[in-house]
Amino acid sequence: MAGVLAQHAAVVTFSFRGHGASGGRSTVGDREVLDLAAAVAWARELGHTRVVTVGFSMGGSVVLRHAAMHRRGPGQEQQGQVGRTGAYTDAVVSVSAPARWYYRGTAPMRRLHWVVTRPLGRTISRYGLRTRIHHRDWDPVPLSPVESVPLIAPTPLLIVHGELDGYFPLDHPRMLAAAGEGHAELWLEADMGHAEHAADDALLGRIGAWAASASD
């Protein structure tokens, strides 16, 4: 994916906390917004003046929350709740994201909730998936993706979702787009399943082209 997107702009990738070789434990979309803020600020420290965030699935919810929390205000570099300098984004692409928390309407999401909420599930995730999940519940519950979308404007926002997504049905992207009140652009992909594994090079190329034009 990075290789295709790099045909349109420089790409910075990272693993969220608790994933792969990253330290810490995953909070499944809550404090990961801090990880993204650090990555965006680092990209600006490298000299990138325009930054577009692109997230898939859980990452799709994180980019929405991050954009809502880090907004560029007039006459100031950054404005937001987290307060990391330079962490605002110039455009946002959210792919295969949920609209609301605690969704259990599909079999994959019921399995995911079992993994996240059960000690045995977290053990399987740690050793089988190389993802270490925090045992504590959210407190407080973070702003949901659909609640975040209205706060993103006027930053350009693209929502991408597969019509064959087995995790989140089409009411999720439609809710997100409706919350944008005409600001968010919605792409429903007929032959696409869920997230990065279902995104082919053609779609990634279109996303890269959109990101490059939206951040100009």
N, C-alpha and C. Protein backbone atom coordinates (compact mmCIF):
# COMPACT_ATOMS: atom_id res chain seq x y z
N MET A 1 0.83 -1.20 0.00
CA MET A 1 0.00 0.00 0.00
C MET A 1 0.86 1.25 0.00
N ALA A 2 1.89 1.24 0.85
CA ALA A 2 2.76 2.41 0.91
C ALA A 2 3.42 2.67 -0.43
N GLY A 3 3.78 1.60 -1.14
CA GLY A 3 4.41 1.77 -2.44
C GLY A 3 3.50 2.43 -3.45
N VAL A 4 2.22 2.05 -3.45
CA VAL A 4 1.27 2.67 -4.39
C VAL A 4 1.02 4.13 -4.02
N LEU A 5 0.79 4.39 -2.74
CA LEU A 5 0.54 5.76 -2.31
C LEU A 5 1.76 6.65 -2.51
N ALA A 6 2.95 6.06 -2.43
CA ALA A 6 4.18 6.84 -2.61
C ALA A 6 4.35 7.34 -4.04
N GLN A 7 3.56 6.82 -4.97
CA GLN A 7 3.59 7.34 -6.33
C GLN A 7 2.96 8.73 -6.41
N HIS A 8 2.24 9.11 -5.36
CA HIS A 8 1.55 10.40 -5.34
C HIS A 8 2.15 11.38 -4.34
N ALA A 9 2.78 10.86 -3.28
CA ALA A 9 3.35 11.74 -2.25
C ALA A 9 4.25 10.90 -1.36
N ALA A 10 5.07 11.58 -0.55
CA ALA A 10 5.88 10.87 0.44
C ALA A 10 4.96 10.20 1.46
N VAL A 11 5.36 9.04 1.96
CA VAL A 11 4.52 8.26 2.87
C VAL A 11 5.28 7.97 4.17
N VAL A 12 4.63 8.23 5.28
CA VAL A 12 5.13 7.84 6.60
C VAL A 12 4.20 6.78 7.16
N THR A 13 4.73 5.61 7.52
CA THR A 13 3.92 4.55 8.11
C THR A 13 4.41 4.27 9.53
N PHE A 14 3.54 3.72 10.35
CA PHE A 14 3.91 3.34 11.71
C PHE A 14 2.92 2.29 12.21
N SER A 15 3.27 1.61 13.29
CA SER A 15 2.36 0.67 13.95
C SER A 15 1.81 1.32 15.22
N PHE A 16 0.51 1.20 15.43
CA PHE A 16 -0.09 1.71 16.66
C PHE A 16 0.46 0.97 17.88
N ARG A 17 0.30 1.56 19.03
CA ARG A 17 0.73 0.95 20.28
C ARG A 17 0.15 -0.46 20.42
N GLY A 18 1.00 -1.37 20.90
CA GLY A 18 0.56 -2.74 21.11
C GLY A 18 0.55 -3.62 19.89
N HIS A 19 0.86 -3.05 18.73
CA HIS A 19 0.85 -3.80 17.48
C HIS A 19 2.29 -4.10 17.04
N GLY A 20 2.56 -5.35 16.69
CA GLY A 20 3.86 -5.71 16.16
C GLY A 20 4.98 -5.38 17.13
N ALA A 21 5.96 -4.62 16.65
CA ALA A 21 7.13 -4.28 17.47
C ALA A 21 6.92 -3.02 18.31
N SER A 22 5.77 -2.35 18.17
CA SER A 22 5.52 -1.16 18.97
C SER A 22 5.28 -1.53 20.43
N GLY A 23 5.72 -0.67 21.35
CA GLY A 23 5.51 -0.92 22.76
C GLY A 23 4.09 -0.62 23.19
N GLY A 24 3.83 -0.83 24.47
CA GLY A 24 2.52 -0.52 25.03
C GLY A 24 1.47 -1.55 24.71
N ARG A 25 0.23 -1.18 25.00
CA ARG A 25 -0.92 -2.06 24.75
C ARG A 25 -2.00 -1.31 23.99
N SER A 26 -2.64 -2.00 23.09
CA SER A 26 -3.69 -1.39 22.27
C SER A 26 -4.90 -1.04 23.11
N THR A 27 -5.45 0.15 22.87
CA THR A 27 -6.72 0.53 23.47
C THR A 27 -7.85 0.48 22.44
N VAL A 28 -7.59 -0.14 21.31
CA VAL A 28 -8.58 -0.43 20.27
C VAL A 28 -9.28 0.84 19.79
N GLY A 29 -8.49 1.89 19.57
CA GLY A 29 -9.04 3.10 18.95
C GLY A 29 -9.15 4.31 19.85
N ASP A 30 -8.86 4.17 21.13
CA ASP A 30 -8.98 5.30 22.05
C ASP A 30 -7.70 6.15 22.04
N ARG A 31 -6.68 5.71 22.77
CA ARG A 31 -5.45 6.50 22.89
C ARG A 31 -4.56 6.41 21.65
N GLU A 32 -4.95 5.61 20.69
CA GLU A 32 -4.20 5.56 19.43
C GLU A 32 -4.20 6.91 18.72
N VAL A 33 -5.15 7.78 19.07
CA VAL A 33 -5.15 9.12 18.47
C VAL A 33 -3.87 9.87 18.84
N LEU A 34 -3.29 9.55 20.00
CA LEU A 34 -2.03 10.17 20.40
C LEU A 34 -0.87 9.67 19.55
N ASP A 35 -0.92 8.39 19.17
CA ASP A 35 0.11 7.84 18.30
C ASP A 35 0.10 8.54 16.95
N LEU A 36 -1.11 8.73 16.41
CA LEU A 36 -1.23 9.40 15.12
C LEU A 36 -0.79 10.86 15.21
N ALA A 37 -1.15 11.53 16.29
CA ALA A 37 -0.72 12.92 16.47
C ALA A 37 0.80 13.02 16.48
N ALA A 38 1.45 12.08 17.15
CA ALA A 38 2.92 12.09 17.18
C ALA A 38 3.50 11.85 15.79
N ALA A 39 2.88 10.95 15.02
CA ALA A 39 3.38 10.66 13.67
C ALA A 39 3.20 11.86 12.75
N VAL A 40 2.05 12.54 12.85
CA VAL A 40 1.81 13.72 12.01
C VAL A 40 2.79 14.83 12.37
N ALA A 41 2.99 15.06 13.65
CA ALA A 41 3.93 16.09 14.08
C ALA A 41 5.34 15.75 13.60
N TRP A 42 5.71 14.46 13.66
CA TRP A 42 7.03 14.04 13.20
C TRP A 42 7.18 14.28 11.70
N ALA A 43 6.13 13.99 10.93
CA ALA A 43 6.18 14.23 9.49
C ALA A 43 6.43 15.71 9.20
N ARG A 44 5.80 16.58 9.97
CA ARG A 44 6.03 18.01 9.76
C ARG A 44 7.45 18.40 10.17
N GLU A 45 7.97 17.76 11.21
CA GLU A 45 9.36 18.03 11.61
C GLU A 45 10.34 17.61 10.51
N LEU A 46 9.95 16.61 9.71
CA LEU A 46 10.79 16.17 8.59
C LEU A 46 10.75 17.15 7.43
N GLY A 47 9.83 18.11 7.49
CA GLY A 47 9.74 19.13 6.44
C GLY A 47 8.52 19.05 5.56
N HIS A 48 7.61 18.11 5.84
CA HIS A 48 6.39 17.99 5.03
C HIS A 48 5.39 19.06 5.47
N THR A 49 5.04 19.95 4.56
CA THR A 49 4.17 21.06 4.91
C THR A 49 2.69 20.73 4.76
N ARG A 50 2.36 19.70 3.98
CA ARG A 50 0.97 19.26 3.82
C ARG A 50 0.90 17.79 4.20
N VAL A 51 0.03 17.45 5.12
CA VAL A 51 -0.06 16.08 5.62
C VAL A 51 -1.50 15.59 5.50
N VAL A 52 -1.67 14.42 4.91
CA VAL A 52 -2.97 13.76 4.79
C VAL A 52 -2.92 12.47 5.59
N THR A 53 -3.88 12.26 6.47
CA THR A 53 -3.94 11.02 7.24
C THR A 53 -4.84 10.02 6.53
N VAL A 54 -4.37 8.76 6.47
CA VAL A 54 -5.12 7.68 5.81
C VAL A 54 -5.18 6.52 6.80
N GLY A 55 -6.38 6.08 7.14
CA GLY A 55 -6.52 4.99 8.10
C GLY A 55 -7.52 3.95 7.64
N PHE A 56 -7.27 2.71 8.02
CA PHE A 56 -8.11 1.58 7.63
C PHE A 56 -8.70 0.90 8.87
N SER A 57 -10.00 0.62 8.85
CA SER A 57 -10.69 -0.08 9.92
C SER A 57 -10.54 0.69 11.24
N MET A 58 -9.89 0.11 12.27
CA MET A 58 -9.67 0.87 13.50
C MET A 58 -8.95 2.17 13.18
N GLY A 59 -7.94 2.10 12.30
CA GLY A 59 -7.23 3.31 11.90
C GLY A 59 -8.13 4.32 11.24
N GLY A 60 -9.18 3.83 10.55
CA GLY A 60 -10.15 4.74 9.95
C GLY A 60 -10.91 5.54 10.98
N SER A 61 -11.22 4.91 12.12
CA SER A 61 -11.88 5.65 13.20
C SER A 61 -10.90 6.61 13.87
N VAL A 62 -9.63 6.20 13.96
CA VAL A 62 -8.62 7.04 14.60
C VAL A 62 -8.37 8.32 13.80
N VAL A 63 -8.29 8.22 12.47
CA VAL A 63 -8.04 9.44 11.69
C VAL A 63 -9.20 10.42 11.81
N LEU A 64 -10.43 9.90 11.97
CA LEU A 64 -11.57 10.80 12.14
C LEU A 64 -11.50 11.52 13.47
N ARG A 65 -11.22 10.78 14.55
CA ARG A 65 -11.13 11.39 15.87
C ARG A 65 -9.95 12.36 15.94
N HIS A 66 -8.83 11.98 15.33
CA HIS A 66 -7.65 12.85 15.34
C HIS A 66 -7.96 14.18 14.65
N ALA A 67 -8.61 14.11 13.49
CA ALA A 67 -8.91 15.34 12.74
C ALA A 67 -9.88 16.23 13.52
N ALA A 68 -10.79 15.62 14.27
CA ALA A 68 -11.73 16.41 15.07
C ALA A 68 -11.03 17.08 16.25
N MET A 69 -10.01 16.42 16.78
CA MET A 69 -9.31 16.93 17.96
C MET A 69 -8.19 17.90 17.62
N HIS A 70 -7.67 17.82 16.38
CA HIS A 70 -6.55 18.67 15.98
C HIS A 70 -6.96 19.46 14.75
N ARG A 71 -7.35 20.71 14.98
CA ARG A 71 -7.82 21.55 13.89
C ARG A 71 -6.93 22.78 13.80
N ARG A 72 -6.64 23.16 12.58
CA ARG A 72 -5.81 24.35 12.37
C ARG A 72 -6.67 25.59 12.48
N GLY A 73 -6.38 26.42 13.45
CA GLY A 73 -7.14 27.64 13.65
C GLY A 73 -6.53 28.81 12.92
N PRO A 74 -7.31 29.86 12.63
CA PRO A 74 -6.78 31.04 11.94
C PRO A 74 -5.70 31.73 12.77
N GLY A 75 -4.55 31.96 12.12
CA GLY A 75 -3.48 32.68 12.79
C GLY A 75 -2.71 31.87 13.80
N GLN A 76 -2.97 30.54 13.86
CA GLN A 76 -2.21 29.71 14.77
C GLN A 76 -1.92 28.38 14.10
N GLU A 77 -0.85 27.74 14.52
CA GLU A 77 -0.39 26.53 13.84
C GLU A 77 -1.30 25.35 14.12
N GLN A 78 -1.79 25.25 15.36
CA GLN A 78 -2.56 24.07 15.72
C GLN A 78 -3.53 24.40 16.84
N GLN A 79 -4.69 23.78 16.77
CA GLN A 79 -5.69 23.99 17.80
C GLN A 79 -6.38 22.67 18.05
N GLY A 80 -6.45 22.24 19.30
CA GLY A 80 -7.11 20.97 19.57
C GLY A 80 -7.05 20.61 21.02
N GLN A 81 -7.60 19.44 21.34
CA GLN A 81 -7.70 19.02 22.72
C GLN A 81 -6.40 18.37 23.20
N VAL A 82 -5.67 17.70 22.33
CA VAL A 82 -4.47 16.99 22.74
C VAL A 82 -3.30 17.95 22.88
N GLY A 83 -3.19 18.91 21.97
CA GLY A 83 -2.23 19.98 22.12
C GLY A 83 -0.82 19.69 21.66
N ARG A 84 -0.62 18.77 20.75
CA ARG A 84 0.73 18.54 20.23
C ARG A 84 0.95 19.45 19.02
N THR A 85 1.99 20.26 19.06
CA THR A 85 2.24 21.24 18.02
C THR A 85 2.47 20.55 16.67
N GLY A 86 1.83 21.07 15.64
CA GLY A 86 2.01 20.55 14.29
C GLY A 86 1.25 19.28 14.00
N ALA A 87 0.33 18.87 14.88
CA ALA A 87 -0.34 17.59 14.70
C ALA A 87 -1.63 17.68 13.89
N TYR A 88 -1.97 18.87 13.38
CA TYR A 88 -3.20 18.97 12.58
C TYR A 88 -2.97 18.33 11.21
N THR A 89 -4.07 17.95 10.58
CA THR A 89 -3.99 17.33 9.27
C THR A 89 -4.65 18.22 8.22
N ASP A 90 -4.19 18.11 6.97
CA ASP A 90 -4.72 18.94 5.89
C ASP A 90 -5.82 18.25 5.10
N ALA A 91 -5.95 16.95 5.24
CA ALA A 91 -7.03 16.19 4.62
C ALA A 91 -7.06 14.82 5.29
N VAL A 92 -8.21 14.14 5.18
CA VAL A 92 -8.42 12.88 5.89
C VAL A 92 -9.04 11.85 4.96
N VAL A 93 -8.52 10.62 5.01
CA VAL A 93 -9.11 9.50 4.28
C VAL A 93 -9.39 8.38 5.28
N SER A 94 -10.65 8.04 5.45
CA SER A 94 -11.06 6.99 6.38
C SER A 94 -11.65 5.83 5.58
N VAL A 95 -11.02 4.65 5.70
CA VAL A 95 -11.42 3.48 4.91
C VAL A 95 -11.94 2.38 5.84
N SER A 96 -13.13 1.87 5.54
CA SER A 96 -13.72 0.72 6.26
C SER A 96 -13.86 0.99 7.75
N ALA A 97 -14.21 2.21 8.12
CA ALA A 97 -14.31 2.58 9.53
C ALA A 97 -15.71 2.32 10.08
N PRO A 98 -15.80 2.04 11.38
CA PRO A 98 -17.12 2.00 12.02
C PRO A 98 -17.64 3.41 12.22
N ALA A 99 -18.96 3.54 12.30
CA ALA A 99 -19.55 4.84 12.61
C ALA A 99 -19.76 4.99 14.11
N ARG A 100 -20.01 3.87 14.79
CA ARG A 100 -20.33 3.92 16.22
C ARG A 100 -19.59 2.81 16.96
N TRP A 101 -19.43 2.98 18.25
CA TRP A 101 -18.71 2.02 19.07
C TRP A 101 -19.60 0.83 19.47
N TYR A 102 -18.95 -0.25 19.88
CA TYR A 102 -19.60 -1.43 20.47
C TYR A 102 -20.52 -2.15 19.49
N TYR A 103 -20.25 -2.01 18.19
CA TYR A 103 -21.09 -2.67 17.19
C TYR A 103 -20.81 -4.17 17.19
N ARG A 104 -21.88 -4.98 17.31
CA ARG A 104 -21.76 -6.44 17.32
C ARG A 104 -22.71 -7.09 16.33
N GLY A 105 -23.07 -6.38 15.29
CA GLY A 105 -24.09 -6.86 14.37
C GLY A 105 -23.63 -7.87 13.35
N THR A 106 -22.33 -8.14 13.27
CA THR A 106 -21.80 -9.14 12.33
C THR A 106 -20.94 -10.15 13.09
N ALA A 107 -20.80 -11.34 12.52
CA ALA A 107 -20.02 -12.38 13.17
C ALA A 107 -18.56 -11.96 13.41
N PRO A 108 -17.89 -11.34 12.44
CA PRO A 108 -16.51 -10.90 12.71
C PRO A 108 -16.41 -9.93 13.87
N MET A 109 -17.37 -9.04 14.03
CA MET A 109 -17.31 -8.08 15.12
C MET A 109 -17.63 -8.75 16.46
N ARG A 110 -18.47 -9.77 16.45
CA ARG A 110 -18.71 -10.51 17.69
C ARG A 110 -17.45 -11.25 18.12
N ARG A 111 -16.74 -11.82 17.15
CA ARG A 111 -15.48 -12.48 17.48
C ARG A 111 -14.45 -11.47 18.00
N LEU A 112 -14.40 -10.30 17.37
CA LEU A 112 -13.45 -9.28 17.80
C LEU A 112 -13.73 -8.84 19.23
N HIS A 113 -15.00 -8.64 19.56
CA HIS A 113 -15.34 -8.24 20.93
C HIS A 113 -14.96 -9.33 21.93
N TRP A 114 -15.10 -10.59 21.54
CA TRP A 114 -14.68 -11.69 22.43
C TRP A 114 -13.18 -11.61 22.68
N VAL A 115 -12.41 -11.36 21.62
CA VAL A 115 -10.96 -11.26 21.76
C VAL A 115 -10.58 -10.10 22.68
N VAL A 116 -11.23 -8.96 22.52
CA VAL A 116 -10.87 -7.76 23.27
C VAL A 116 -11.29 -7.85 24.73
N THR A 117 -12.43 -8.45 25.00
CA THR A 117 -13.01 -8.39 26.35
C THR A 117 -12.71 -9.60 27.22
N ARG A 118 -12.19 -10.68 26.66
CA ARG A 118 -11.93 -11.89 27.45
C ARG A 118 -10.43 -12.10 27.66
N PRO A 119 -10.03 -12.52 28.87
CA PRO A 119 -8.60 -12.79 29.11
C PRO A 119 -8.01 -13.80 28.12
N LEU A 120 -8.75 -14.87 27.82
CA LEU A 120 -8.25 -15.84 26.86
C LEU A 120 -8.12 -15.22 25.48
N GLY A 121 -9.09 -14.40 25.10
CA GLY A 121 -9.02 -13.73 23.80
C GLY A 121 -7.81 -12.82 23.70
N ARG A 122 -7.52 -12.09 24.76
CA ARG A 122 -6.35 -11.20 24.73
C ARG A 122 -5.04 -12.00 24.68
N THR A 123 -5.04 -13.16 25.32
CA THR A 123 -3.85 -14.03 25.24
C THR A 123 -3.64 -14.53 23.83
N ILE A 124 -4.72 -14.96 23.18
CA ILE A 124 -4.64 -15.41 21.79
C ILE A 124 -4.15 -14.28 20.90
N SER A 125 -4.68 -13.07 21.13
CA SER A 125 -4.26 -11.92 20.33
C SER A 125 -2.78 -11.63 20.53
N ARG A 126 -2.30 -11.74 21.78
CA ARG A 126 -0.91 -11.41 22.08
C ARG A 126 0.05 -12.35 21.37
N TYR A 127 -0.23 -13.64 21.43
CA TYR A 127 0.72 -14.60 20.89
C TYR A 127 0.40 -15.02 19.46
N GLY A 128 -0.87 -14.97 19.08
CA GLY A 128 -1.24 -15.39 17.73
C GLY A 128 -1.24 -14.27 16.72
N LEU A 129 -1.60 -13.05 17.17
CA LEU A 129 -1.73 -11.91 16.26
C LEU A 129 -0.68 -10.83 16.52
N ARG A 130 0.17 -11.05 17.52
CA ARG A 130 1.21 -10.08 17.90
C ARG A 130 0.60 -8.71 18.22
N THR A 131 -0.59 -8.73 18.82
CA THR A 131 -1.26 -7.50 19.24
C THR A 131 -1.59 -7.62 20.72
N ARG A 132 -1.03 -6.72 21.51
CA ARG A 132 -1.24 -6.73 22.96
C ARG A 132 -2.35 -5.73 23.30
N ILE A 133 -3.45 -6.23 23.84
CA ILE A 133 -4.64 -5.41 24.09
C ILE A 133 -4.75 -5.10 25.57
N HIS A 134 -5.02 -3.83 25.87
CA HIS A 134 -5.17 -3.41 27.26
C HIS A 134 -6.42 -4.04 27.86
N HIS A 135 -6.34 -4.43 29.14
CA HIS A 135 -7.47 -5.11 29.77
C HIS A 135 -8.52 -4.13 30.31
N ARG A 136 -8.20 -2.85 30.41
CA ARG A 136 -9.14 -1.90 31.00
C ARG A 136 -10.17 -1.43 29.98
N ASP A 137 -11.40 -1.22 30.46
CA ASP A 137 -12.45 -0.64 29.62
C ASP A 137 -12.17 0.84 29.39
N TRP A 138 -12.76 1.40 28.35
CA TRP A 138 -12.65 2.83 28.11
C TRP A 138 -13.28 3.63 29.26
N ASP A 139 -12.57 4.61 29.75
CA ASP A 139 -13.12 5.48 30.79
C ASP A 139 -12.39 6.81 30.73
N PRO A 140 -13.05 7.83 30.16
CA PRO A 140 -14.40 7.81 29.61
C PRO A 140 -14.43 7.23 28.20
N VAL A 141 -15.63 6.95 27.71
CA VAL A 141 -15.78 6.47 26.34
C VAL A 141 -15.43 7.61 25.39
N PRO A 142 -14.51 7.39 24.45
CA PRO A 142 -14.09 8.48 23.55
C PRO A 142 -15.20 8.89 22.59
N LEU A 143 -15.04 10.08 22.05
CA LEU A 143 -15.95 10.57 21.02
C LEU A 143 -16.01 9.56 19.89
N SER A 144 -17.21 9.23 19.44
CA SER A 144 -17.35 8.22 18.39
C SER A 144 -16.98 8.80 17.03
N PRO A 145 -16.71 7.93 16.04
CA PRO A 145 -16.40 8.45 14.70
C PRO A 145 -17.51 9.34 14.14
N VAL A 146 -18.77 8.93 14.28
CA VAL A 146 -19.85 9.72 13.69
C VAL A 146 -20.00 11.06 14.41
N GLU A 147 -19.68 11.12 15.70
CA GLU A 147 -19.70 12.39 16.42
C GLU A 147 -18.52 13.26 16.05
N SER A 148 -17.44 12.65 15.57
CA SER A 148 -16.24 13.39 15.21
C SER A 148 -16.38 14.10 13.87
N VAL A 149 -17.09 13.49 12.94
CA VAL A 149 -17.14 13.98 11.56
C VAL A 149 -17.57 15.45 11.47
N PRO A 150 -18.64 15.89 12.16
CA PRO A 150 -19.02 17.30 12.01
C PRO A 150 -17.95 18.29 12.47
N LEU A 151 -17.02 17.84 13.32
CA LEU A 151 -15.98 18.72 13.83
C LEU A 151 -14.80 18.86 12.89
N ILE A 152 -14.77 18.05 11.82
CA ILE A 152 -13.62 18.02 10.92
C ILE A 152 -13.65 19.17 9.91
N ALA A 153 -14.85 19.55 9.47
CA ALA A 153 -14.96 20.62 8.46
C ALA A 153 -14.25 21.88 8.94
N PRO A 154 -13.58 22.60 8.02
CA PRO A 154 -13.59 22.46 6.56
C PRO A 154 -12.47 21.58 5.99
N THR A 155 -11.78 20.83 6.84
CA THR A 155 -10.72 19.94 6.34
C THR A 155 -11.34 18.91 5.39
N PRO A 156 -10.79 18.72 4.18
CA PRO A 156 -11.35 17.74 3.23
C PRO A 156 -11.39 16.34 3.84
N LEU A 157 -12.48 15.63 3.61
CA LEU A 157 -12.68 14.31 4.18
C LEU A 157 -13.22 13.35 3.12
N LEU A 158 -12.55 12.20 2.97
CA LEU A 158 -12.99 11.14 2.07
C LEU A 158 -13.30 9.89 2.89
N ILE A 159 -14.49 9.33 2.69
CA ILE A 159 -14.90 8.09 3.35
C ILE A 159 -15.01 7.02 2.28
N VAL A 160 -14.29 5.91 2.47
CA VAL A 160 -14.27 4.81 1.51
C VAL A 160 -14.76 3.54 2.22
N HIS A 161 -15.63 2.81 1.57
CA HIS A 161 -16.17 1.60 2.20
C HIS A 161 -16.54 0.58 1.13
N GLY A 162 -16.27 -0.68 1.42
CA GLY A 162 -16.62 -1.75 0.49
C GLY A 162 -18.05 -2.22 0.68
N GLU A 163 -18.75 -2.44 -0.41
CA GLU A 163 -20.11 -2.95 -0.33
C GLU A 163 -20.15 -4.39 0.16
N LEU A 164 -19.01 -5.09 0.12
CA LEU A 164 -18.93 -6.47 0.59
C LEU A 164 -18.24 -6.56 1.96
N ASP A 165 -18.16 -5.45 2.67
CA ASP A 165 -17.51 -5.43 3.98
C ASP A 165 -18.24 -6.37 4.94
N GLY A 166 -17.51 -7.34 5.49
CA GLY A 166 -18.11 -8.30 6.41
C GLY A 166 -18.13 -7.85 7.85
N TYR A 167 -17.45 -6.74 8.16
CA TYR A 167 -17.39 -6.23 9.53
C TYR A 167 -18.45 -5.16 9.78
N PHE A 168 -18.48 -4.15 8.90
CA PHE A 168 -19.38 -3.02 9.09
C PHE A 168 -20.24 -2.84 7.84
N PRO A 169 -21.56 -3.03 7.95
CA PRO A 169 -22.42 -2.86 6.78
C PRO A 169 -22.51 -1.41 6.35
N LEU A 170 -23.25 -1.18 5.27
CA LEU A 170 -23.23 0.12 4.61
C LEU A 170 -23.89 1.24 5.41
N ASP A 171 -24.64 0.91 6.45
CA ASP A 171 -25.20 2.00 7.25
C ASP A 171 -24.10 2.78 7.97
N HIS A 172 -22.95 2.15 8.19
CA HIS A 172 -21.84 2.85 8.86
C HIS A 172 -21.27 3.98 7.98
N PRO A 173 -20.81 3.70 6.75
CA PRO A 173 -20.30 4.82 5.94
C PRO A 173 -21.37 5.84 5.61
N ARG A 174 -22.60 5.40 5.45
CA ARG A 174 -23.66 6.35 5.15
C ARG A 174 -23.93 7.28 6.34
N MET A 175 -23.85 6.73 7.55
CA MET A 175 -23.99 7.58 8.74
C MET A 175 -22.86 8.61 8.82
N LEU A 176 -21.64 8.15 8.52
CA LEU A 176 -20.50 9.06 8.56
C LEU A 176 -20.66 10.18 7.53
N ALA A 177 -21.05 9.80 6.31
CA ALA A 177 -21.21 10.81 5.26
C ALA A 177 -22.33 11.78 5.60
N ALA A 178 -23.44 11.27 6.15
CA ALA A 178 -24.55 12.13 6.52
C ALA A 178 -24.15 13.11 7.62
N ALA A 179 -23.30 12.66 8.52
CA ALA A 179 -22.84 13.55 9.60
C ALA A 179 -21.99 14.68 9.05
N GLY A 180 -21.39 14.45 7.87
CA GLY A 180 -20.59 15.50 7.23
C GLY A 180 -21.42 16.59 6.59
N GLU A 181 -22.73 16.37 6.46
CA GLU A 181 -23.65 17.37 5.91
C GLU A 181 -23.16 17.98 4.61
N GLY A 182 -22.77 17.13 3.67
CA GLY A 182 -22.31 17.59 2.37
C GLY A 182 -20.84 17.89 2.30
N HIS A 183 -20.17 17.89 3.44
CA HIS A 183 -18.72 18.17 3.45
C HIS A 183 -17.91 16.93 3.10
N ALA A 184 -18.37 15.76 3.57
CA ALA A 184 -17.62 14.52 3.36
C ALA A 184 -17.96 13.91 2.00
N GLU A 185 -16.92 13.40 1.33
CA GLU A 185 -17.10 12.69 0.07
C GLU A 185 -17.13 11.19 0.36
N LEU A 186 -18.09 10.48 -0.22
CA LEU A 186 -18.28 9.05 0.05
C LEU A 186 -18.07 8.23 -1.21
N TRP A 187 -17.18 7.22 -1.09
CA TRP A 187 -16.99 6.24 -2.17
C TRP A 187 -17.43 4.88 -1.65
N LEU A 188 -18.45 4.30 -2.28
CA LEU A 188 -18.88 2.93 -1.99
C LEU A 188 -18.36 2.04 -3.11
N GLU A 189 -17.47 1.10 -2.75
CA GLU A 189 -16.78 0.27 -3.73
C GLU A 189 -17.47 -1.09 -3.86
N ALA A 190 -17.97 -1.36 -5.08
CA ALA A 190 -18.85 -2.52 -5.30
C ALA A 190 -18.19 -3.86 -4.99
N ASP A 191 -16.95 -4.05 -5.36
CA ASP A 191 -16.30 -5.36 -5.22
C ASP A 191 -15.33 -5.43 -4.05
N MET A 192 -15.42 -4.50 -3.13
CA MET A 192 -14.45 -4.41 -2.03
C MET A 192 -15.01 -5.00 -0.75
N GLY A 193 -14.14 -5.73 -0.03
CA GLY A 193 -14.47 -6.23 1.30
C GLY A 193 -14.02 -5.25 2.36
N HIS A 194 -13.26 -5.75 3.35
CA HIS A 194 -12.90 -4.92 4.49
C HIS A 194 -11.45 -4.49 4.49
N ALA A 195 -11.24 -3.21 4.58
CA ALA A 195 -9.95 -2.58 4.92
C ALA A 195 -8.84 -2.87 3.91
N GLU A 196 -7.57 -2.85 4.42
CA GLU A 196 -6.41 -2.87 3.53
C GLU A 196 -6.29 -4.16 2.73
N HIS A 197 -6.75 -5.27 3.30
CA HIS A 197 -6.63 -6.54 2.58
C HIS A 197 -7.53 -6.58 1.35
N ALA A 198 -8.54 -5.74 1.32
CA ALA A 198 -9.48 -5.72 0.21
C ALA A 198 -9.26 -4.55 -0.75
N ALA A 199 -8.30 -3.69 -0.42
CA ALA A 199 -8.05 -2.51 -1.26
C ALA A 199 -7.01 -2.85 -2.32
N ASP A 200 -7.43 -2.87 -3.58
CA ASP A 200 -6.48 -3.19 -4.65
C ASP A 200 -5.69 -1.96 -5.06
N ASP A 201 -4.71 -2.16 -5.95
CA ASP A 201 -3.83 -1.07 -6.35
C ASP A 201 -4.60 0.06 -7.04
N ALA A 202 -5.64 -0.30 -7.78
CA ALA A 202 -6.41 0.73 -8.49
C ALA A 202 -7.09 1.67 -7.49
N LEU A 203 -7.69 1.09 -6.46
CA LEU A 203 -8.35 1.93 -5.45
C LEU A 203 -7.33 2.76 -4.70
N LEU A 204 -6.21 2.14 -4.31
CA LEU A 204 -5.17 2.89 -3.60
C LEU A 204 -4.63 4.04 -4.45
N GLY A 205 -4.53 3.80 -5.77
CA GLY A 205 -4.10 4.87 -6.66
C GLY A 205 -5.08 6.03 -6.68
N ARG A 206 -6.37 5.71 -6.69
CA ARG A 206 -7.39 6.76 -6.65
C ARG A 206 -7.36 7.52 -5.34
N ILE A 207 -7.13 6.78 -4.24
CA ILE A 207 -7.03 7.44 -2.93
C ILE A 207 -5.81 8.36 -2.90
N GLY A 208 -4.69 7.88 -3.45
CA GLY A 208 -3.49 8.71 -3.49
C GLY A 208 -3.69 9.96 -4.31
N ALA A 209 -4.37 9.83 -5.45
CA ALA A 209 -4.63 11.00 -6.28
C ALA A 209 -5.55 11.99 -5.57
N TRP A 210 -6.58 11.46 -4.88
CA TRP A 210 -7.49 12.34 -4.13
C TRP A 210 -6.72 13.08 -3.03
N ALA A 211 -5.89 12.34 -2.30
CA ALA A 211 -5.15 12.95 -1.21
C ALA A 211 -4.22 14.06 -1.71
N ALA A 212 -3.56 13.80 -2.84
CA ALA A 212 -2.65 14.79 -3.38
C ALA A 212 -3.38 16.06 -3.81
N SER A 213 -4.55 15.88 -4.40
CA SER A 213 -5.30 17.06 -4.87
C SER A 213 -5.99 17.78 -3.72
N ALA A 214 -6.46 17.02 -2.72
CA ALA A 214 -7.18 17.63 -1.61
C ALA A 214 -6.28 18.46 -0.72
N SER A 215 -5.00 18.10 -0.68
CA SER A 215 -4.09 18.82 0.23
C SER A 215 -3.37 19.97 -0.46
N ASP A 216 -3.64 20.19 -1.74
CA ASP A 216 -2.99 21.28 -2.47
C ASP A 216 -3.47 22.65 -1.96
